[in-house]
């Protein structure tokens, strides 16, 4: 899972996602070329973000709701986090009751349980070079018994490139 690539595919992405069946992109993709590169690695599920132009908005939706291995997933680029959801995110969470809520936008990696809505929130941070973040981050995990498990974070000093 990644977010906020802003048109940049870090050279460590293919290795990090090599064992994954799917890659989820939580918006601010930046270019169709990013999606083309990710689609060579695995099935991609994505939502568009606030910087994405009409081409990407034509190909992707603002929100995605899907079920994988028994986990209902809601993905939205600008969603906030537990206790501070955006009104749209809160409304969608209350309506669909996902077990996993994924958002991006903040460029800040967060993995937080939400006891009120009985879900896990993940913001994978930012995988691109645009923004204020000091680290390039992305997340991968398995799903076991209908729950995310074995969560791993790739955290790369943005100045190092590789």
Protein backbone atom coordinates (compact mmCIF):
# COMPACT_ATOMS: atom_id res chain seq x y z
CA UNK A 1 0.00 0.00 0.00
CA UNK A 2 1.27 3.44 -0.86
CA UNK A 3 0.11 6.99 -1.36
CA UNK A 4 1.27 10.36 -2.59
CA UNK A 5 3.71 9.21 -5.27
CA UNK A 6 3.20 12.51 -7.11
CA UNK A 7 4.48 11.00 -10.37
CA UNK A 8 7.55 9.28 -8.85
CA UNK A 9 8.16 5.54 -8.56
CA UNK A 10 10.94 4.87 -6.08
CA UNK A 11 13.42 2.20 -7.25
CA UNK A 12 12.71 0.09 -4.11
CA UNK A 13 9.01 -0.30 -4.93
CA UNK A 14 9.35 -3.38 -7.21
CA UNK A 15 11.33 -5.32 -4.60
CA UNK A 16 9.12 -4.27 -1.69
CA UNK A 17 5.90 -5.31 -3.44
CA UNK A 18 7.33 -8.37 -5.26
CA UNK A 19 5.50 -10.85 -3.02
CA UNK A 20 2.18 -8.96 -3.07
CA UNK A 21 -0.95 -10.03 -4.92
CA UNK A 22 -2.29 -6.47 -4.93
CA UNK A 23 -0.97 -2.94 -4.53
CA UNK A 24 -3.30 -0.28 -3.15
CA UNK A 25 -2.62 3.38 -3.97
CA UNK A 26 -4.41 5.90 -1.74
CA UNK A 27 -4.27 8.84 -4.14
CA UNK A 28 -2.10 11.65 -5.45
CA UNK A 29 -0.82 9.25 -8.06
CA UNK A 30 0.58 12.06 -10.19
CA UNK A 31 0.78 10.38 -13.59
CA UNK A 32 -0.51 7.47 -15.65
CA UNK A 33 3.09 6.23 -15.87
CA UNK A 34 3.08 5.51 -12.13
CA UNK A 35 0.06 3.26 -12.58
CA UNK A 36 1.60 1.55 -15.60
CA UNK A 37 4.71 0.69 -13.58
CA UNK A 38 2.71 -0.55 -10.59
CA UNK A 39 0.44 -2.66 -12.82
CA UNK A 40 3.52 -4.55 -14.04
CA UNK A 41 4.06 -5.71 -10.47
CA UNK A 42 0.57 -6.72 -9.30
CA UNK A 43 -3.13 -5.96 -9.52
CA UNK A 44 -3.60 -2.30 -8.52
CA UNK A 45 -6.52 -0.73 -6.70
CA UNK A 46 -6.39 3.06 -6.49
CA UNK A 47 -8.31 6.23 -5.77
CA UNK A 48 -7.48 9.62 -7.16
CA UNK A 49 -6.18 12.42 -4.96
CA UNK A 50 -6.42 16.18 -4.96
CA UNK A 51 -3.41 16.68 -7.29
CA UNK A 52 -4.57 14.13 -9.86
CA UNK A 53 -5.76 15.53 -13.17
CA UNK A 54 -8.72 14.63 -15.33
CA UNK A 55 -7.02 11.64 -16.95
CA UNK A 56 -6.54 9.87 -13.63
CA UNK A 57 -9.93 11.01 -12.37
CA UNK A 58 -11.47 9.40 -15.42
CA UNK A 59 -9.72 6.10 -14.69
CA UNK A 60 -10.18 6.01 -10.90
CA UNK A 61 -12.82 7.01 -8.37
CA UNK A 62 -12.61 9.27 -5.34
CA UNK A 63 -13.43 6.32 -3.08
CA UNK A 64 -13.01 2.58 -3.31
CA UNK A 65 -14.89 -0.03 -1.33
CA UNK A 66 -13.89 -3.66 -1.76
CA UNK A 67 -13.47 -6.90 0.18
CA UNK A 68 -10.27 -8.94 0.20
CA UNK A 69 -9.92 -12.23 2.08
CA UNK A 70 -12.89 -11.32 4.28
CA UNK A 71 -11.73 -7.76 5.08
CA UNK A 72 -13.96 -4.90 3.94
CA UNK A 73 -11.69 -2.03 2.84
CA UNK A 74 -12.64 1.61 2.38
CA UNK A 75 -10.07 3.83 0.65
CA UNK A 76 -10.25 7.61 0.27
CA UNK A 77 -7.37 10.04 -0.31
CA UNK A 78 -8.37 12.78 2.15
CA UNK A 79 -9.89 11.00 5.11
CA UNK A 80 -8.22 12.02 8.34
CA UNK A 81 -7.64 9.47 11.08
CA UNK A 82 -9.41 8.07 14.15
CA UNK A 83 -10.93 10.86 16.20
CA UNK A 84 -10.28 13.35 13.38
CA UNK A 85 -11.98 11.94 10.29
CA UNK A 86 -13.18 14.28 7.58
CA UNK A 87 -16.98 14.54 7.43
CA UNK A 88 -16.99 12.53 4.18
CA UNK A 89 -14.81 9.77 5.64
CA UNK A 90 -16.92 9.57 8.81
CA UNK A 91 -20.10 9.31 6.77
CA UNK A 92 -18.66 6.53 4.58
CA UNK A 93 -17.28 4.64 7.60
CA UNK A 94 -20.66 4.81 9.34
CA UNK A 95 -22.46 3.71 6.19
CA UNK A 96 -20.17 0.84 5.11
CA UNK A 97 -18.54 -0.25 8.40
CA UNK A 98 -15.18 -1.33 6.93
CA UNK A 99 -12.64 -3.34 8.88
CA UNK A 100 -9.82 -1.35 7.28
CA UNK A 101 -9.84 2.34 6.37
CA UNK A 102 -7.02 3.57 4.11
CA UNK A 103 -6.26 7.21 3.39
CA UNK A 104 -3.32 9.31 2.28
CA UNK A 105 -2.82 13.05 1.79
CA UNK A 106 -1.01 13.93 5.03
CA UNK A 107 2.34 12.41 3.98
CA UNK A 108 2.49 11.06 7.56
CA UNK A 109 2.64 7.31 8.13
CA UNK A 110 -0.05 6.22 10.61
CA UNK A 111 -1.31 2.82 11.63
CA UNK A 112 -4.02 3.25 14.25
CA UNK A 113 -6.83 1.11 15.61
CA UNK A 114 -10.18 2.83 15.86
CA UNK A 115 -12.09 1.26 18.73
CA UNK A 116 -15.17 3.40 18.12
CA UNK A 117 -15.72 2.05 14.59
CA UNK A 118 -13.94 -1.28 15.13
CA UNK A 119 -11.48 -0.81 12.29
CA UNK A 120 -7.80 -0.39 11.55
CA UNK A 121 -6.75 2.87 9.93
CA UNK A 122 -3.65 2.95 7.73
CA UNK A 123 -2.11 5.97 6.06
CA UNK A 124 1.01 4.70 4.26
CA UNK A 125 2.63 8.15 4.30
CA UNK A 126 4.24 9.42 1.11
CA UNK A 127 6.10 7.33 -1.46
CA UNK A 128 7.02 10.26 -3.71
CA UNK A 129 9.49 13.11 -3.69
CA UNK A 130 7.04 16.05 -3.55
CA UNK A 131 6.14 17.44 -0.15
CA UNK A 132 7.60 18.14 3.26
CA UNK A 133 8.13 14.55 4.42
CA UNK A 134 11.66 13.42 5.35
CA UNK A 135 11.03 9.73 4.70
CA UNK A 136 9.56 7.84 1.80
CA UNK A 137 7.24 5.26 3.31
CA UNK A 138 5.00 2.43 2.17
CA UNK A 139 3.30 -0.51 3.86
CA UNK A 140 2.67 -4.16 3.10
CA UNK A 141 0.82 -6.79 5.05
CA UNK A 142 -0.90 -10.13 4.80
CA UNK A 143 -4.51 -10.85 5.58
CA UNK A 144 -5.05 -13.79 7.90
CA UNK A 145 -8.36 -14.95 9.32
CA UNK A 146 -10.10 -11.84 7.96
CA UNK A 147 -7.63 -9.42 9.60
CA UNK A 148 -4.47 -7.56 8.52
CA UNK A 149 -1.35 -9.30 9.87
CA UNK A 150 2.43 -9.15 9.58
CA UNK A 151 2.46 -5.45 8.74
CA UNK A 152 5.79 -4.18 7.41
CA UNK A 153 6.88 -0.62 6.71
CA UNK A 154 9.52 0.45 4.22
CA UNK A 155 10.99 3.72 5.49
CA UNK A 156 13.67 5.32 3.31
CA UNK A 157 15.54 8.54 4.04
CA UNK A 158 14.32 10.78 1.23
CA UNK A 159 17.80 12.19 0.65
CA UNK A 160 19.28 8.74 -0.08
CA UNK A 161 17.16 7.83 -3.14
CA UNK A 162 17.89 4.06 -2.77
